[in-house]
Amino acid sequence: MAGIYNGNGKTTAAVCRKRTTVLLMCLLFGMSCFLSGCSKAKQQEGTSADDHRIKVVTTIFPQYDFVRQIAGGRADLKMLLKPGEESHSYEPTPQDIIAIQNCDLFIYVGGENDEWVEDILSSMDTGRMATLRLVDCVDTVEEEHVAGMKENHREEEDNPGEYDEHVWTSPKNAVKIVDNITELLCSADADNADAYKQDAETYIHKLEDLDAQFRQVVEESDRDTILFGDRFPFRYFADEYGLRYYAAFPGCASDTEPSAATMAFLINKVKEEKIPVVLKMELSSDHISRAIAEATGTEVKVFYSCHNISAEQFQNGETYLSLMEKNVETLREALSDGTD
């Protein structure tokens, strides 16, 4: 039987399956801890030089990279979502649950896609662990359904609007998140507090410079509209810089096929406003953006949400800053008059 649609491109059945899987793993994990004393004893037997480092676990790339910039080698850092994987379909493994149980600091987003986290944490003794939800670091806004987006007629009338989880897409928000992370790192590892504060201050200056670059691009442009042939997880970014936008779907929608009306709207909008660039997310199919570009004689460019990166980018040392700096140049092209 089909699941009840939850109004955000997902079904209640799918959400329930994920939560049931997590709860079963938590139960098995608890039994394992009872029978074997879990992994704490094994940890104490180790003689690794890294045993003294603070253990930090993050769910996805943005907070992973923020910790990496602040803590460097002073932290034993783990990201649960593997590079190249789709975050909306992620399910934790037993090893992931053990990593969370054994860490000193656990950082997650806290939105709808992280409901499994609350199930896991409620099953654990978190007395020695600090946790941070990114959505608690900033003022959140609801996902917005703008003109042209695929209509969802199955949404229940009493379903409240979901807030946008992608809080890190605004560099200003990134600064707030870094401040919160730094405070928790200092609390958990007081011996290195001065180093954390110094590195955080240096990093925040870079984020502020990034923010200034985006503002300069917007201020020097005659255009204020961007168009995505894709989902749109950039509400905080658009709000920060006063940008209007059109897109095929909201940020967390699982839809991959736009309606004919949506395609016609986006194609017409590109033509009417002479939009020079059609944007798409990283790690996403380009079939929608490519179809729009071919119908309008424009080009397709990637605009990074930094939700995750490819395995190759991870190996090459790409960072939140390096990807967002690419966005600066892409935004400059997207807001140009198309005559260059």
Protein backbone atom coordinates (compact mmCIF):
# COMPACT_ATOMS: atom_id res chain seq x y z
CA MET A 1 0.00 0.00 0.00
CA ALA A 2 1.32 3.44 -0.86
CA GLY A 3 2.42 5.57 2.07
CA ILE A 4 0.74 8.80 3.06
CA TYR A 5 2.45 11.74 1.38
CA ASN A 6 3.98 14.11 3.93
CA GLY A 7 3.93 17.18 1.72
CA ASN A 8 7.66 17.38 1.21
CA GLY A 9 8.29 14.87 -1.54
CA LYS A 10 8.39 11.99 0.91
CA THR A 11 5.97 9.38 2.19
CA THR A 12 5.11 8.51 5.75
CA ALA A 13 5.86 4.87 4.92
CA ALA A 14 9.38 5.74 3.82
CA VAL A 15 10.00 7.78 6.96
CA CYS A 16 8.61 4.98 9.14
CA ARG A 17 10.82 2.37 7.44
CA LYS A 18 13.90 4.47 8.12
CA ARG A 19 12.99 5.07 11.75
CA THR A 20 12.13 1.39 12.28
CA THR A 21 15.53 0.40 10.89
CA VAL A 22 17.26 2.83 13.21
CA LEU A 23 15.28 1.67 16.25
CA LEU A 24 16.11 -1.97 15.52
CA MET A 25 19.79 -1.12 15.25
CA CYS A 26 19.61 0.80 18.52
CA LEU A 27 18.04 -2.23 20.20
CA LEU A 28 20.73 -4.54 18.86
CA PHE A 29 23.38 -2.04 19.87
CA GLY A 30 22.01 -1.90 23.41
CA MET A 31 22.01 -5.71 23.68
CA SER A 32 25.57 -5.80 22.40
CA CYS A 33 26.64 -3.27 25.03
CA PHE A 34 24.98 -5.33 27.76
CA LEU A 35 26.58 -8.60 26.68
CA SER A 36 30.07 -7.41 25.84
CA GLY A 37 30.56 -4.22 27.77
CA CYS A 38 30.48 -2.42 24.43
CA SER A 39 33.64 -0.97 23.00
CA LYS A 40 34.83 1.13 25.90
CA ALA A 41 37.09 -1.55 27.33
CA LYS A 42 38.62 -2.18 23.92
CA GLN A 43 39.26 1.53 23.54
CA GLN A 44 41.15 1.62 26.82
CA GLU A 45 43.38 -1.24 25.68
CA GLY A 46 44.56 0.75 22.66
CA THR A 47 47.93 2.44 22.65
CA SER A 48 47.41 4.75 19.69
CA ALA A 49 48.97 8.18 19.94
CA ASP A 50 45.62 9.57 18.84
CA ASP A 51 43.73 8.23 21.90
CA HIS A 52 44.02 11.57 23.69
CA ARG A 53 42.37 13.54 20.89
CA ILE A 54 38.83 14.79 21.24
CA LYS A 55 36.43 12.63 19.21
CA VAL A 56 34.02 14.57 16.99
CA VAL A 57 31.34 13.03 14.77
CA THR A 58 29.33 15.00 12.20
CA THR A 59 26.52 13.86 9.96
CA ILE A 60 27.38 15.78 6.78
CA PHE A 61 30.09 17.85 5.11
CA PRO A 62 29.50 21.49 6.19
CA GLN A 63 29.97 20.95 9.91
CA TYR A 64 32.70 18.38 9.20
CA ASP A 65 34.67 21.03 7.34
CA PHE A 66 33.99 23.70 9.97
CA VAL A 67 35.44 21.43 12.66
CA ARG A 68 38.36 20.58 10.39
CA GLN A 69 39.21 24.28 9.99
CA ILE A 70 38.94 25.00 13.73
CA ALA A 71 40.44 21.86 15.25
CA GLY A 72 42.78 20.54 12.57
CA GLY A 73 44.70 17.52 13.82
CA ARG A 74 43.68 18.14 17.41
CA ALA A 75 40.41 16.27 16.79
CA ASP A 76 39.67 12.71 15.74
CA LEU A 77 37.01 13.70 13.22
CA LYS A 78 34.48 11.47 11.45
CA MET A 79 31.78 12.30 8.88
CA LEU A 80 28.95 9.76 8.73
CA LEU A 81 27.76 10.57 5.20
CA LYS A 82 30.34 9.25 2.77
CA PRO A 83 31.50 11.60 -0.01
CA GLY A 84 29.29 11.26 -3.07
CA GLU A 85 26.32 9.80 -1.18
CA GLU A 86 22.83 11.30 -1.20
CA SER A 87 22.10 12.68 2.25
CA HIS A 88 18.31 12.36 2.00
CA SER A 89 18.53 8.57 1.64
CA TYR A 90 21.27 8.02 4.24
CA GLU A 91 20.71 5.36 6.88
CA PRO A 92 23.18 4.88 9.75
CA THR A 93 25.15 1.66 10.05
CA PRO A 94 25.87 -0.10 13.36
CA GLN A 95 29.40 1.31 13.09
CA ASP A 96 27.96 4.81 12.79
CA ILE A 97 25.90 4.32 15.93
CA ILE A 98 28.97 3.11 17.82
CA ALA A 99 30.92 6.16 16.61
CA ILE A 100 28.18 8.45 17.93
CA GLN A 101 28.08 6.61 21.26
CA ASN A 102 31.84 6.95 21.73
CA CYS A 103 32.32 10.56 20.65
CA ASP A 104 32.83 13.66 22.77
CA LEU A 105 30.96 15.99 20.41
CA PHE A 106 28.24 15.09 17.92
CA ILE A 107 27.09 17.70 15.40
CA TYR A 108 24.05 17.25 13.17
CA VAL A 109 21.66 19.45 11.21
CA GLY A 110 18.47 18.77 13.13
CA GLY A 111 15.89 18.94 10.35
CA GLU A 112 13.40 16.40 9.06
CA ASN A 113 16.13 14.28 7.51
CA ASP A 114 17.77 13.95 10.92
CA GLU A 115 14.77 12.49 12.76
CA TRP A 116 16.74 9.26 13.03
CA VAL A 117 19.29 11.11 15.16
CA GLU A 118 16.75 11.87 17.86
CA ASP A 119 15.79 8.17 17.97
CA ILE A 120 19.42 7.17 18.41
CA LEU A 121 20.24 9.79 21.04
CA SER A 122 17.15 8.90 23.06
CA SER A 123 18.41 5.31 23.25
CA MET A 124 21.88 6.28 24.50
CA ASP A 125 23.46 7.56 27.67
CA THR A 126 24.58 10.96 26.38
CA GLY A 127 25.79 12.26 29.73
CA ARG A 128 29.42 12.56 28.63
CA MET A 129 28.64 13.74 25.11
CA ALA A 130 28.00 17.27 23.87
CA THR A 131 25.60 17.68 20.95
CA LEU A 132 24.89 20.54 18.58
CA ARG A 133 22.06 21.03 16.09
CA LEU A 134 22.88 23.49 13.32
CA VAL A 135 19.26 24.67 13.18
CA ASP A 136 19.63 25.87 16.78
CA CYS A 137 22.50 28.18 15.82
CA VAL A 138 20.48 30.48 13.54
CA ASP A 139 16.99 31.83 12.92
CA THR A 140 15.30 29.28 10.68
CA VAL A 141 12.81 29.97 7.89
CA GLU A 142 10.22 27.75 6.27
CA GLU A 143 10.74 26.21 2.87
CA GLU A 144 9.11 28.42 0.27
CA HIS A 145 6.99 27.36 -2.67
CA VAL A 146 7.61 30.00 -5.35
CA ALA A 147 5.92 30.44 -8.70
CA GLY A 148 6.72 27.67 -11.15
CA MET A 149 7.62 24.96 -8.65
CA LYS A 150 5.89 21.63 -9.17
CA GLU A 151 2.57 21.63 -7.35
CA ASN A 152 1.94 19.06 -4.64
CA HIS A 153 -1.78 18.40 -4.57
CA ARG A 154 -1.44 15.53 -2.09
CA GLU A 155 -0.16 17.70 0.73
CA GLU A 156 -2.42 17.42 3.74
CA GLU A 157 -4.06 20.66 4.74
CA ASP A 158 -3.05 20.25 8.36
CA ASN A 159 0.60 19.54 7.55
CA PRO A 160 2.69 22.42 8.94
CA GLY A 161 5.33 24.02 6.73
CA GLU A 162 8.76 22.45 7.00
CA TYR A 163 11.64 24.76 7.77
CA ASP A 164 14.60 24.85 5.44
CA GLU A 165 17.43 22.75 6.87
CA HIS A 166 20.22 24.17 4.70
CA VAL A 167 21.23 26.87 7.16
CA TRP A 168 24.94 26.86 6.22
CA THR A 169 24.37 28.19 2.68
CA SER A 170 24.59 31.73 4.06
CA PRO A 171 28.17 32.65 5.07
CA LYS A 172 26.70 34.82 7.82
CA ASN A 173 25.01 31.74 9.25
CA ALA A 174 28.25 29.81 8.84
CA VAL A 175 29.93 32.31 11.17
CA LYS A 176 27.26 31.69 13.82
CA ILE A 177 27.68 27.94 13.46
CA VAL A 178 31.47 28.21 13.76
CA ASP A 179 31.07 30.27 16.94
CA ASN A 180 28.88 27.56 18.48
CA ILE A 181 31.23 24.76 17.44
CA THR A 182 34.23 26.62 18.85
CA GLU A 183 32.51 27.08 22.20
CA LEU A 184 31.79 23.36 22.48
CA LEU A 185 35.29 22.36 21.39
CA CYS A 186 36.78 24.64 24.04
CA SER A 187 34.47 23.21 26.69
CA ALA A 188 35.25 19.60 25.77
CA ASP A 189 39.00 20.13 25.34
CA ALA A 190 40.07 23.01 27.57
CA ASP A 191 43.78 22.30 27.08
CA ASN A 192 43.49 23.35 23.43
CA ALA A 193 40.95 26.14 23.93
CA ASP A 194 43.32 28.95 22.96
CA ALA A 195 44.28 27.18 19.73
CA TYR A 196 40.62 26.57 18.85
CA LYS A 197 39.77 30.22 19.43
CA GLN A 198 42.70 31.45 17.37
CA ASP A 199 41.95 29.17 14.42
CA ALA A 200 38.24 29.99 14.61
CA GLU A 201 39.00 33.72 14.50
CA THR A 202 41.18 33.24 11.42
CA TYR A 203 38.48 31.16 9.74
CA ILE A 204 35.71 33.62 10.57
CA HIS A 205 37.70 36.39 8.87
CA LYS A 206 37.74 34.23 5.73
CA LEU A 207 33.98 33.68 5.96
CA GLU A 208 33.43 37.40 6.36
CA ASP A 209 35.56 38.03 3.27
CA LEU A 210 33.47 35.46 1.39
CA ASP A 211 30.31 37.28 2.45
CA ALA A 212 31.79 40.56 1.21
CA GLN A 213 32.56 38.98 -2.17
CA PHE A 214 28.96 37.82 -2.62
CA ARG A 215 27.65 41.25 -1.63
CA GLN A 216 29.93 42.95 -4.11
CA VAL A 217 28.75 40.68 -6.93
CA VAL A 218 25.10 41.40 -6.14
CA GLU A 219 25.64 45.14 -5.72
CA GLU A 220 27.49 45.41 -9.04
CA SER A 221 24.87 43.43 -10.97
CA ASP A 222 21.79 44.84 -12.68
CA ARG A 223 20.04 41.48 -12.34
CA ASP A 224 18.73 40.01 -9.06
CA THR A 225 17.20 36.72 -10.23
CA ILE A 226 18.64 33.21 -10.41
CA LEU A 227 16.98 30.11 -11.84
CA PHE A 228 17.56 26.46 -10.90
CA GLY A 229 16.56 23.50 -13.03
CA ASP A 230 16.77 21.50 -9.83
CA ARG A 231 15.84 21.58 -6.15
CA PHE A 232 16.51 24.84 -4.33
CA PRO A 233 18.27 24.44 -0.96
CA PHE A 234 19.48 28.06 -1.00
CA ARG A 235 16.71 29.93 0.82
CA TYR A 236 19.11 31.36 3.43
CA PHE A 237 21.59 32.37 0.74
CA ALA A 238 18.92 34.08 -1.37
CA ASP A 239 17.44 35.89 1.63
CA GLU A 240 20.87 37.08 2.79
CA TYR A 241 21.69 38.74 -0.52
CA GLY A 242 18.23 39.85 -1.58
CA LEU A 243 17.98 37.50 -4.56
CA ARG A 244 14.80 36.37 -6.28
CA TYR A 245 14.72 32.81 -7.53
CA TYR A 246 12.83 30.24 -9.55
CA ALA A 247 13.33 26.48 -9.31
CA ALA A 248 11.75 23.16 -10.19
CA PHE A 249 11.36 21.96 -6.58
CA PRO A 250 11.88 23.12 -2.96
CA GLY A 251 15.12 22.21 -1.21
CA CYS A 252 14.19 18.89 0.39
CA ALA A 253 11.79 17.56 -2.24
CA SER A 254 12.50 14.02 -3.45
CA ASP A 255 10.83 14.69 -6.82
CA THR A 256 13.06 14.23 -9.84
CA GLU A 257 10.53 14.75 -12.62
CA PRO A 258 9.02 18.21 -13.07
CA SER A 259 5.53 18.70 -14.43
CA ALA A 260 5.04 19.98 -17.96
CA ALA A 261 3.74 23.21 -16.44
CA THR A 262 6.91 23.65 -14.39
CA MET A 263 9.15 23.09 -17.40
CA ALA A 264 7.14 25.52 -19.52
CA PHE A 265 7.23 28.12 -16.75
CA LEU A 266 11.00 27.90 -16.26
CA ILE A 267 11.73 27.96 -19.99
CA ASN A 268 9.49 30.98 -20.48
CA LYS A 269 11.01 32.73 -17.48
CA VAL A 270 14.54 32.32 -18.90
CA LYS A 271 13.37 33.80 -22.19
CA GLU A 272 11.34 36.64 -20.66
CA GLU A 273 14.03 37.80 -18.25
CA LYS A 274 16.94 36.89 -20.54
CA ILE A 275 18.51 34.83 -17.76
CA PRO A 276 21.97 33.82 -19.06
CA VAL A 277 22.69 30.76 -16.88
CA VAL A 278 20.58 27.84 -15.67
CA LEU A 279 21.87 26.53 -12.35
CA LYS A 280 21.90 23.06 -10.82
CA MET A 281 23.14 21.51 -7.60
CA GLU A 282 26.22 19.37 -7.23
CA LEU A 283 25.77 15.57 -7.25
CA SER A 284 22.44 16.03 -9.02
CA SER A 285 21.14 15.00 -12.43
CA ASP A 286 21.35 17.70 -15.09
CA HIS A 287 18.43 16.44 -17.19
CA ILE A 288 16.12 19.29 -16.14
CA SER A 289 18.68 22.09 -16.33
CA ARG A 290 20.05 20.74 -19.61
CA ALA A 291 16.58 20.62 -21.17
CA ILE A 292 15.92 24.22 -20.13
CA ALA A 293 19.31 25.35 -21.45
CA GLU A 294 18.80 23.61 -24.79
CA ALA A 295 15.38 25.20 -25.19
CA THR A 296 16.69 28.68 -24.43
CA GLY A 297 20.23 28.74 -25.79
CA THR A 298 21.77 29.24 -22.36
CA GLU A 299 24.37 27.26 -20.43
CA VAL A 300 24.28 25.13 -17.28
CA LYS A 301 26.46 25.85 -14.26
CA VAL A 302 26.82 24.06 -10.92
CA PHE A 303 26.04 26.07 -7.79
CA TYR A 304 27.33 24.29 -4.70
CA SER A 305 25.07 23.78 -1.70
CA CYS A 306 27.98 22.04 0.09
CA HIS A 307 25.54 19.44 1.42
CA ASN A 308 28.06 16.84 0.29
CA ILE A 309 30.98 16.59 -2.11
CA SER A 310 32.22 13.93 -4.48
CA ALA A 311 34.84 11.39 -3.46
CA GLU A 312 37.29 13.03 -5.87
CA GLN A 313 36.68 16.48 -4.39
CA PHE A 314 37.13 15.07 -0.91
CA GLN A 315 40.46 13.51 -1.86
CA ASN A 316 41.55 16.78 -3.49
CA GLY A 317 40.93 18.69 -0.28
CA GLU A 318 37.96 20.81 -1.37
CA THR A 319 36.45 22.84 1.46
CA TYR A 320 33.32 24.83 2.18
CA LEU A 321 35.28 27.97 1.37
CA SER A 322 36.76 26.69 -1.89
CA LEU A 323 33.34 25.57 -3.14
CA MET A 324 31.62 28.77 -2.09
CA GLU A 325 34.34 30.80 -3.81
CA LYS A 326 33.43 28.95 -7.00
CA ASN A 327 29.85 30.02 -6.31
CA VAL A 328 31.01 33.65 -6.26
CA GLU A 329 32.16 33.41 -9.87
CA THR A 330 29.12 31.39 -10.92
CA LEU A 331 26.82 33.97 -9.35
CA ARG A 332 28.65 36.71 -11.22
CA GLU A 333 27.88 34.91 -14.49
CA ALA A 334 24.29 34.15 -13.50
CA LEU A 335 23.61 37.81 -12.70
CA SER A 336 25.36 39.19 -15.77
CA ASP A 337 23.50 40.76 -18.67
CA GLY A 338 24.58 37.88 -20.90
CA THR A 339 26.57 40.06 -23.30
CA ASP A 340 30.07 39.22 -22.07
